[in-house]
Amino acid sequence: MHKSFDDLTIADDFMFCKVMQNKELCKIFLEMILSDRIGKITYLSTQYNITTYEEAKSVRFDVLVQNQTGKIYDIEMQVSDEHNLPRRMRFYQAAIDISVLDKGNSYSKLNDSFIIFICLFDAPGKGKPVYSFENICLEDRQILLHDGAKKVIINAAAFNKIEDKNLSGLLKYIKTGKATTEFTGRLEDMIQTVKDNEQARNEYRIMSATMMDARDEGERRKALEVAKNFKRLGVSVDIIVKATGLAHKEVEKL
């Protein structure tokens, strides 16, 4: 069940994307997460779909920005552990590369990029608050591949393990909703501004209804597929109806 609009926090995808549409807050957020200056940013997308070819799985980025040197930053908020994060990051990286490299251009034109997942859980499971990854040579770990691709996983649950008070406060805010620093106070103010915006409220209402319809349709397709498999195995119609929740006539027609 979707949260009500008034109960949304920074950890909710819709609200996170809305707050990150504030360029100054987005820039500070990125610099705090990466512990680095990134300069001016421009938006490539907020909640934008990229499909690499007609039948491919599309990618829906939460926040995609680029700095003045051309580096691309994808920021994703992840609440639940679906146990697929490493390969998902790999797919997102590939989608960005394909989308930015025009046909005929040299591979050297590929932008440096960061795939950043802000998680409310410890995806790698090693207790660290920040995990940063680059491709290296296994035979000599001092040798970097220098492919320009970096991936960062943030474990907000480990906010109390960070010495930097601002970053610790940010992760605590993401995990608990408690604003304890000047920056998280600004984020909280922006959330309230979004909640006071009737257009944003309507957007969330429409998005929630669309997602529920899509989920219902997906569950129905899954039930039909299960029913077909059961019928092939000779399972009785009555049992299939009980197992799938489909109507008796629907199962008979399969």
C-alpha atoms as a PDB file:
ATOM      1  CA  MET A   1       0.000   0.000   0.000  1.00  0.00           C
ATOM      2  CA  HIS A   2       1.285   3.453  -0.892  1.00  0.00           C
ATOM      3  CA  LYS A   3       1.908   6.021   1.811  1.00  0.00           C
ATOM      4  CA  SER A   4      -0.318   9.028   1.991  1.00  0.00           C
ATOM      5  CA  PHE A   5       1.234  12.137   0.480  1.00  0.00           C
ATOM      6  CA  ASP A   6       1.509  13.835   3.882  1.00  0.00           C
ATOM      7  CA  ASP A   7       3.487  10.904   5.311  1.00  0.00           C
ATOM      8  CA  LEU A   8       6.221  10.960   2.650  1.00  0.00           C
ATOM      9  CA  THR A   9       9.836  11.423   3.778  1.00  0.00           C
ATOM     10  CA  ILE A  10      13.152  11.986   2.021  1.00  0.00           C
ATOM     11  CA  ALA A  11      13.518   8.192   1.769  1.00  0.00           C
ATOM     12  CA  ASP A  12      10.419   7.899  -0.413  1.00  0.00           C
ATOM     13  CA  ASP A  13      11.223   7.919  -4.095  1.00  0.00           C
ATOM     14  CA  PHE A  14       8.686  10.556  -5.118  1.00  0.00           C
ATOM     15  CA  MET A  15       9.683  13.015  -2.398  1.00  0.00           C
ATOM     16  CA  PHE A  16      13.402  12.428  -2.878  1.00  0.00           C
ATOM     17  CA  CYS A  17      13.115  13.285  -6.564  1.00  0.00           C
ATOM     18  CA  LYS A  18      11.070  16.400  -5.832  1.00  0.00           C
ATOM     19  CA  VAL A  19      13.555  17.672  -3.244  1.00  0.00           C
ATOM     20  CA  MET A  20      16.507  16.960  -5.538  1.00  0.00           C
ATOM     21  CA  GLN A  21      14.951  19.210  -8.172  1.00  0.00           C
ATOM     22  CA  ASN A  22      16.332  22.048  -6.075  1.00  0.00           C
ATOM     23  CA  LYS A  23      19.723  22.472  -7.736  1.00  0.00           C
ATOM     24  CA  GLU A  24      21.519  23.871  -4.693  1.00  0.00           C
ATOM     25  CA  LEU A  25      20.290  21.111  -2.374  1.00  0.00           C
ATOM     26  CA  CYS A  26      21.110  18.456  -4.963  1.00  0.00           C
ATOM     27  CA  LYS A  27      24.654  19.785  -5.382  1.00  0.00           C
ATOM     28  CA  ILE A  28      25.298  19.901  -1.625  1.00  0.00           C
ATOM     29  CA  PHE A  29      23.779  16.427  -1.233  1.00  0.00           C
ATOM     30  CA  LEU A  30      26.134  15.011  -3.868  1.00  0.00           C
ATOM     31  CA  GLU A  31      29.213  16.744  -2.490  1.00  0.00           C
ATOM     32  CA  MET A  32      28.412  15.501   0.998  1.00  0.00           C
ATOM     33  CA  ILE A  33      27.899  11.913  -0.159  1.00  0.00           C
ATOM     34  CA  LEU A  34      31.058  11.859  -2.287  1.00  0.00           C
ATOM     35  CA  SER A  35      33.179  14.037   0.036  1.00  0.00           C
ATOM     36  CA  ASP A  36      34.249  16.019  -3.010  1.00  0.00           C
ATOM     37  CA  ARG A  37      33.543  19.257  -4.828  1.00  0.00           C
ATOM     38  CA  ILE A  38      31.647  18.719  -8.062  1.00  0.00           C
ATOM     39  CA  GLY A  39      31.048  22.272  -9.274  1.00  0.00           C
ATOM     40  CA  LYS A  40      27.971  23.461 -11.122  1.00  0.00           C
ATOM     41  CA  ILE A  41      25.409  20.861 -12.148  1.00  0.00           C
ATOM     42  CA  THR A  42      22.741  20.614 -14.809  1.00  0.00           C
ATOM     43  CA  TYR A  43      19.871  18.154 -14.833  1.00  0.00           C
ATOM     44  CA  LEU A  44      19.807  15.402 -17.410  1.00  0.00           C
ATOM     45  CA  SER A  45      16.644  14.006 -15.848  1.00  0.00           C
ATOM     46  CA  THR A  46      14.591  13.452 -12.734  1.00  0.00           C
ATOM     47  CA  GLN A  47      12.676  10.174 -12.834  1.00  0.00           C
ATOM     48  CA  TYR A  48      13.518   9.738 -16.507  1.00  0.00           C
ATOM     49  CA  ASN A  49      13.224   6.555 -18.548  1.00  0.00           C
ATOM     50  CA  ILE A  50      15.964   5.381 -20.909  1.00  0.00           C
ATOM     51  CA  THR A  51      15.368   2.453 -23.251  1.00  0.00           C
ATOM     52  CA  THR A  52      18.424   1.274 -25.142  1.00  0.00           C
ATOM     53  CA  TYR A  53      16.440  -0.462 -27.892  1.00  0.00           C
ATOM     54  CA  GLU A  54      12.822  -1.311 -28.592  1.00  0.00           C
ATOM     55  CA  GLU A  55      12.517  -4.617 -26.716  1.00  0.00           C
ATOM     56  CA  ALA A  56      15.035  -3.859 -23.965  1.00  0.00           C
ATOM     57  CA  LYS A  57      14.181  -3.305 -20.324  1.00  0.00           C
ATOM     58  CA  SER A  58      13.995   0.438 -19.695  1.00  0.00           C
ATOM     59  CA  VAL A  59      15.781   2.219 -16.859  1.00  0.00           C
ATOM     60  CA  ARG A  60      13.977   4.787 -14.748  1.00  0.00           C
ATOM     61  CA  PHE A  61      16.557   7.040 -13.115  1.00  0.00           C
ATOM     62  CA  ASP A  62      15.634   8.917  -9.950  1.00  0.00           C
ATOM     63  CA  VAL A  63      18.032  11.842 -10.411  1.00  0.00           C
ATOM     64  CA  LEU A  64      20.533  12.176 -13.247  1.00  0.00           C
ATOM     65  CA  VAL A  65      22.796  15.236 -13.310  1.00  0.00           C
ATOM     66  CA  GLN A  66      25.986  16.342 -15.034  1.00  0.00           C
ATOM     67  CA  ASN A  67      28.665  18.721 -13.800  1.00  0.00           C
ATOM     68  CA  GLN A  68      30.541  21.308 -15.841  1.00  0.00           C
ATOM     69  CA  THR A  69      33.385  18.895 -16.635  1.00  0.00           C
ATOM     70  CA  GLY A  70      30.948  16.355 -18.098  1.00  0.00           C
ATOM     71  CA  LYS A  71      30.832  13.852 -15.240  1.00  0.00           C
ATOM     72  CA  ILE A  72      27.445  12.186 -14.879  1.00  0.00           C
ATOM     73  CA  TYR A  73      25.913  11.382 -11.493  1.00  0.00           C
ATOM     74  CA  ASP A  74      22.988   9.011 -11.093  1.00  0.00           C
ATOM     75  CA  ILE A  75      21.448   9.130  -7.594  1.00  0.00           C
ATOM     76  CA  GLU A  76      18.993   6.414  -6.583  1.00  0.00           C
ATOM     77  CA  MET A  77      17.055   6.014  -3.339  1.00  0.00           C
ATOM     78  CA  GLN A  78      16.569   2.375  -2.335  1.00  0.00           C
ATOM     79  CA  VAL A  79      14.345   1.482   0.619  1.00  0.00           C
ATOM     80  CA  SER A  80      14.043  -2.309   0.334  1.00  0.00           C
ATOM     81  CA  ASP A  81      16.695  -4.930  -0.374  1.00  0.00           C
ATOM     82  CA  GLU A  82      15.799  -6.762  -3.575  1.00  0.00           C
ATOM     83  CA  HIS A  83      19.140  -8.627  -3.537  1.00  0.00           C
ATOM     84  CA  ASN A  84      20.054  -7.478  -7.045  1.00  0.00           C
ATOM     85  CA  LEU A  85      21.887  -4.215  -6.422  1.00  0.00           C
ATOM     86  CA  PRO A  86      25.295  -5.024  -8.004  1.00  0.00           C
ATOM     87  CA  ARG A  87      23.796  -6.205 -11.297  1.00  0.00           C
ATOM     88  CA  ARG A  88      21.248  -3.418 -11.257  1.00  0.00           C
ATOM     89  CA  MET A  89      24.084  -0.906 -10.950  1.00  0.00           C
ATOM     90  CA  ARG A  90      25.836  -2.628 -13.838  1.00  0.00           C
ATOM     91  CA  PHE A  91      22.709  -2.278 -15.989  1.00  0.00           C
ATOM     92  CA  TYR A  92      22.251   1.383 -15.071  1.00  0.00           C
ATOM     93  CA  GLN A  93      25.866   2.062 -15.993  1.00  0.00           C
ATOM     94  CA  ALA A  94      25.411   0.412 -19.381  1.00  0.00           C
ATOM     95  CA  ALA A  95      22.200   2.334 -20.054  1.00  0.00           C
ATOM     96  CA  ILE A  96      23.886   5.664 -19.323  1.00  0.00           C
ATOM     97  CA  ASP A  97      26.854   4.833 -21.553  1.00  0.00           C
ATOM     98  CA  ILE A  98      24.650   3.825 -24.474  1.00  0.00           C
ATOM     99  CA  SER A  99      22.437   6.883 -24.095  1.00  0.00           C
ATOM    100  CA  VAL A 100      25.282   9.426 -24.106  1.00  0.00           C
ATOM    101  CA  LEU A 101      27.559   7.973 -26.798  1.00  0.00           C
ATOM    102  CA  ASP A 102      26.340   8.993 -30.234  1.00  0.00           C
ATOM    103  CA  LYS A 103      26.757   6.630 -33.169  1.00  0.00           C
ATOM    104  CA  GLY A 104      30.186   6.962 -34.745  1.00  0.00           C
ATOM    105  CA  ASN A 105      31.805   8.614 -31.730  1.00  0.00           C
ATOM    106  CA  SER A 106      34.989   7.275 -30.177  1.00  0.00           C
ATOM    107  CA  TYR A 107      34.753   5.376 -26.887  1.00  0.00           C
ATOM    108  CA  SER A 108      37.036   8.044 -25.458  1.00  0.00           C
ATOM    109  CA  LYS A 109      34.024  10.363 -25.622  1.00  0.00           C
ATOM    110  CA  LEU A 110      32.252   8.375 -22.905  1.00  0.00           C
ATOM    111  CA  ASN A 111      31.618  10.540 -19.862  1.00  0.00           C
ATOM    112  CA  ASP A 112      32.997   9.643 -16.455  1.00  0.00           C
ATOM    113  CA  SER A 113      30.080   8.539 -14.335  1.00  0.00           C
ATOM    114  CA  PHE A 114      28.998   7.759 -10.788  1.00  0.00           C
ATOM    115  CA  ILE A 115      26.168   5.362  -9.984  1.00  0.00           C
ATOM    116  CA  ILE A 116      25.112   6.158  -6.407  1.00  0.00           C
ATOM    117  CA  PHE A 117      22.582   4.125  -4.438  1.00  0.00           C
ATOM    118  CA  ILE A 118      21.384   5.545  -1.124  1.00  0.00           C
ATOM    119  CA  CYS A 119      20.156   2.509   0.812  1.00  0.00           C
ATOM    120  CA  LEU A 120      18.324   2.224   4.116  1.00  0.00           C
ATOM    121  CA  PHE A 121      20.042  -1.132   4.584  1.00  0.00           C
ATOM    122  CA  ASP A 122      23.534  -2.613   4.315  1.00  0.00           C
ATOM    123  CA  ALA A 123      23.544  -4.140   0.821  1.00  0.00           C
ATOM    124  CA  PRO A 124      27.130  -5.518   0.882  1.00  0.00           C
ATOM    125  CA  GLY A 125      26.604  -6.618   4.485  1.00  0.00           C
ATOM    126  CA  LYS A 126      29.991  -5.563   5.869  1.00  0.00           C
ATOM    127  CA  GLY A 127      28.839  -2.861   8.271  1.00  0.00           C
ATOM    128  CA  LYS A 128      30.403   0.094   6.460  1.00  0.00           C
ATOM    129  CA  PRO A 129      28.478   3.333   5.907  1.00  0.00           C
ATOM    130  CA  VAL A 130      30.037   3.976   2.479  1.00  0.00           C
ATOM    131  CA  TYR A 131      31.195   1.482  -0.152  1.00  0.00           C
ATOM    132  CA  SER A 132      33.032   2.867  -3.205  1.00  0.00           C
ATOM    133  CA  PHE A 133      33.893   0.677  -6.180  1.00  0.00           C
ATOM    134  CA  GLU A 134      36.169   0.991  -9.205  1.00  0.00           C
ATOM    135  CA  ASN A 135      37.427  -1.637 -11.635  1.00  0.00           C
ATOM    136  CA  ILE A 136      40.920  -2.844 -10.746  1.00  0.00           C
ATOM    137  CA  CYS A 137      43.408  -5.483 -11.858  1.00  0.00           C
ATOM    138  CA  LEU A 138      43.066  -8.600  -9.709  1.00  0.00           C
ATOM    139  CA  GLU A 139      46.708  -9.552 -10.246  1.00  0.00           C
ATOM    140  CA  ASP A 140      47.948  -6.152  -9.093  1.00  0.00           C
ATOM    141  CA  ARG A 141      45.395  -4.153  -7.140  1.00  0.00           C
ATOM    142  CA  GLN A 142      47.437  -0.984  -7.555  1.00  0.00           C
ATOM    143  CA  ILE A 143      46.497  -0.957 -11.239  1.00  0.00           C
ATOM    144  CA  LEU A 144      43.202   0.777 -11.995  1.00  0.00           C
ATOM    145  CA  LEU A 145      41.323   0.173 -15.227  1.00  0.00           C
ATOM    146  CA  HIS A 146      40.596   3.917 -15.566  1.00  0.00           C
ATOM    147  CA  ASP A 147      37.323   3.300 -17.395  1.00  0.00           C
ATOM    148  CA  GLY A 148      35.733   6.331 -15.748  1.00  0.00           C
ATOM    149  CA  ALA A 149      33.017   4.268 -14.054  1.00  0.00           C
ATOM    150  CA  LYS A 150      32.529   4.487 -10.301  1.00  0.00           C
ATOM    151  CA  LYS A 151      29.812   3.009  -8.140  1.00  0.00           C
ATOM    152  CA  VAL A 152      28.913   4.037  -4.606  1.00  0.00           C
ATOM    153  CA  ILE A 153      26.590   2.298  -2.155  1.00  0.00           C
ATOM    154  CA  ILE A 154      25.543   4.271   0.915  1.00  0.00           C
ATOM    155  CA  ASN A 155      24.363   2.371   3.982  1.00  0.00           C
ATOM    156  CA  ALA A 156      22.265   4.946   5.845  1.00  0.00           C
ATOM    157  CA  ALA A 157      21.718   2.492   8.702  1.00  0.00           C
ATOM    158  CA  ALA A 158      25.382   2.948   9.689  1.00  0.00           C
ATOM    159  CA  PHE A 159      25.105   6.724  10.163  1.00  0.00           C
ATOM    160  CA  ASN A 160      26.580   6.466  13.671  1.00  0.00           C
ATOM    161  CA  LYS A 161      29.859   5.094  12.267  1.00  0.00           C
ATOM    162  CA  ILE A 162      30.718   8.299  10.388  1.00  0.00           C
ATOM    163  CA  GLU A 163      32.958  10.913  11.996  1.00  0.00           C
ATOM    164  CA  ASP A 164      31.876  13.731   9.685  1.00  0.00           C
ATOM    165  CA  LYS A 165      28.922  15.243  11.544  1.00  0.00           C
ATOM    166  CA  ASN A 166      27.255  16.625   8.429  1.00  0.00           C
ATOM    167  CA  LEU A 167      27.354  13.339   6.527  1.00  0.00           C
ATOM    168  CA  SER A 168      26.366  11.406   9.639  1.00  0.00           C
ATOM    169  CA  GLY A 169      23.454  13.791  10.143  1.00  0.00           C
ATOM    170  CA  LEU A 170      22.370  13.389   6.527  1.00  0.00           C
ATOM    171  CA  LEU A 171      22.343   9.592   6.695  1.00  0.00           C
ATOM    172  CA  LYS A 172      20.572   9.702  10.052  1.00  0.00           C
ATOM    173  CA  TYR A 173      17.927  11.927   8.489  1.00  0.00           C
ATOM    174  CA  ILE A 174      17.489   9.542   5.560  1.00  0.00           C
ATOM    175  CA  LYS A 175      17.210   6.545   7.882  1.00  0.00           C
ATOM    176  CA  THR A 176      15.147   8.016  10.730  1.00  0.00           C
ATOM    177  CA  GLY A 177      13.597  11.233   9.423  1.00  0.00           C
ATOM    178  CA  LYS A 178      15.181  13.233  12.264  1.00  0.00           C
ATOM    179  CA  ALA A 179      16.766  16.508  11.128  1.00  0.00           C
ATOM    180  CA  THR A 180      19.749  17.322  13.364  1.00  0.00           C
ATOM    181  CA  THR A 181      21.930  19.521  11.126  1.00  0.00           C
ATOM    182  CA  GLU A 182      21.531  22.772   9.226  1.00  0.00           C
ATOM    183  CA  PHE A 183      21.437  20.961   5.884  1.00  0.00           C
ATOM    184  CA  THR A 184      18.891  18.346   6.940  1.00  0.00           C
ATOM    185  CA  GLY A 185      16.782  21.192   8.300  1.00  0.00           C
ATOM    186  CA  ARG A 186      16.824  22.699   4.818  1.00  0.00           C
ATOM    187  CA  LEU A 187      15.810  19.360   3.336  1.00  0.00           C
ATOM    188  CA  GLU A 188      12.939  19.145   5.807  1.00  0.00           C
ATOM    189  CA  ASP A 189      11.810  22.660   4.884  1.00  0.00           C
ATOM    190  CA  MET A 190      11.845  21.702   1.204  1.00  0.00           C
ATOM    191  CA  ILE A 191       9.757  18.612   1.929  1.00  0.00           C
ATOM    192  CA  GLN A 192       7.180  20.798   3.636  1.00  0.00           C
ATOM    193  CA  THR A 193       7.211  23.131   0.632  1.00  0.00           C
ATOM    194  CA  VAL A 194       6.507  20.168  -1.646  1.00  0.00           C
ATOM    195  CA  LYS A 195       3.698  18.973   0.626  1.00  0.00           C
ATOM    196  CA  ASP A 196       2.119  22.433   0.464  1.00  0.00           C
ATOM    197  CA  ASN A 197       2.146  22.285  -3.339  1.00  0.00           C
ATOM    198  CA  GLU A 198      -1.186  21.109  -4.734  1.00  0.00           C
ATOM    199  CA  GLN A 199       0.307  20.201  -8.107  1.00  0.00           C
ATOM    200  CA  ALA A 200       2.819  17.871  -6.441  1.00  0.00           C
ATOM    201  CA  ARG A 201      -0.001  16.326  -4.423  1.00  0.00           C
ATOM    202  CA  ASN A 202      -1.961  15.635  -7.606  1.00  0.00           C
ATOM    203  CA  GLU A 203       1.121  14.197  -9.328  1.00  0.00           C
ATOM    204  CA  TYR A 204       1.590  11.759  -6.467  1.00  0.00           C
ATOM    205  CA  ARG A 205      -2.075  10.773  -6.534  1.00  0.00           C
ATOM    206  CA  ILE A 206      -1.935  10.048 -10.272  1.00  0.00           C
ATOM    207  CA  MET A 207       1.380   8.199  -9.992  1.00  0.00           C
ATOM    208  CA  SER A 208       0.095   6.046  -7.137  1.00  0.00           C
ATOM    209  CA  ALA A 209      -3.048   5.109  -9.038  1.00  0.00           C
ATOM    210  CA  THR A 210      -1.043   4.266 -12.165  1.00  0.00           C
ATOM    211  CA  MET A 211       1.383   2.075 -10.230  1.00  0.00           C
ATOM    212  CA  MET A 212      -1.456   0.239  -8.499  1.00  0.00           C
ATOM    213  CA  ASP A 213      -3.134  -0.429 -11.846  1.00  0.00           C
ATOM    214  CA  ALA A 214       0.145  -1.705 -13.288  1.00  0.00           C
ATOM    215  CA  ARG A 215       0.726  -3.953 -10.293  1.00  0.00           C
ATOM    216  CA  ASP A 216      -2.800  -5.362 -10.481  1.00  0.00           C
ATOM    217  CA  GLU A 217      -2.348  -6.059 -14.189  1.00  0.00           C
ATOM    218  CA  GLY A 218       1.002  -7.699 -13.537  1.00  0.00           C
ATOM    219  CA  GLU A 219      -0.462  -9.920 -10.832  1.00  0.00           C
ATOM    220  CA  ARG A 220      -3.291 -10.933 -13.151  1.00  0.00           C
ATOM    221  CA  ARG A 221      -0.869 -11.892 -15.930  1.00  0.00           C
ATOM    222  CA  LYS A 222       1.139 -13.920 -13.443  1.00  0.00           C
ATOM    223  CA  ALA A 223      -1.995 -15.713 -12.229  1.00  0.00           C
ATOM    224  CA  LEU A 224      -2.980 -16.552 -15.811  1.00  0.00           C
ATOM    225  CA  GLU A 225       0.475 -17.960 -16.514  1.00  0.00           C
ATOM    226  CA  VAL A 226       0.339 -20.107 -13.376  1.00  0.00           C
ATOM    227  CA  ALA A 227      -3.122 -21.342 -14.351  1.00  0.00           C
ATOM    228  CA  LYS A 228      -1.904 -22.315 -17.827  1.00  0.00           C
ATOM    229  CA  ASN A 229       0.976 -24.282 -16.353  1.00  0.00           C
ATOM    230  CA  PHE A 230      -1.352 -26.047 -13.922  1.00  0.00           C
ATOM    231  CA  LYS A 231      -3.701 -27.022 -16.753  1.00  0.00           C
ATOM    232  CA  ARG A 232      -0.811 -28.488 -18.732  1.00  0.00           C
ATOM    233  CA  LEU A 233       0.001 -30.602 -15.689  1.00  0.00           C
ATOM    234  CA  GLY A 234      -3.579 -31.843 -15.503  1.00  0.00           C
ATOM    235  CA  VAL A 235      -4.541 -30.000 -12.307  1.00  0.00           C
ATOM    236  CA  SER A 236      -8.310 -29.719 -11.896  1.00  0.00           C
ATOM    237  CA  VAL A 237     -10.058 -26.435 -12.654  1.00  0.00           C
ATOM    238  CA  ASP A 238     -11.419 -26.170  -9.104  1.00  0.00           C
ATOM    239  CA  ILE A 239      -7.943 -26.380  -7.587  1.00  0.00           C
ATOM    240  CA  ILE A 240      -6.563 -23.862 -10.097  1.00  0.00           C
ATOM    241  CA  VAL A 241      -9.355 -21.424  -9.206  1.00  0.00           C
ATOM    242  CA  LYS A 242      -8.534 -21.725  -5.512  1.00  0.00           C
ATOM    243  CA  ALA A 243      -4.794 -21.365  -6.120  1.00  0.00           C
ATOM    244  CA  THR A 244      -4.935 -18.345  -8.439  1.00  0.00           C
ATOM    245  CA  GLY A 245      -8.121 -16.499  -7.523  1.00  0.00           C
ATOM    246  CA  LEU A 246      -9.196 -16.468 -11.173  1.00  0.00           C
ATOM    247  CA  ALA A 247     -12.803 -16.971 -12.199  1.00  0.00           C
ATOM    248  CA  HIS A 248     -13.936 -20.510 -13.063  1.00  0.00           C
ATOM    249  CA  LYS A 249     -14.834 -19.500 -16.632  1.00  0.00           C
ATOM    250  CA  GLU A 250     -11.446 -17.838 -17.160  1.00  0.00           C
ATOM    251  CA  VAL A 251      -9.608 -21.007 -16.224  1.00  0.00           C
ATOM    252  CA  GLU A 252     -11.836 -23.167 -18.427  1.00  0.00           C
ATOM    253  CA  LYS A 253     -11.043 -20.987 -21.465  1.00  0.00           C
ATOM    254  CA  LEU A 254      -7.280 -21.342 -21.062  1.00  0.00           C
END
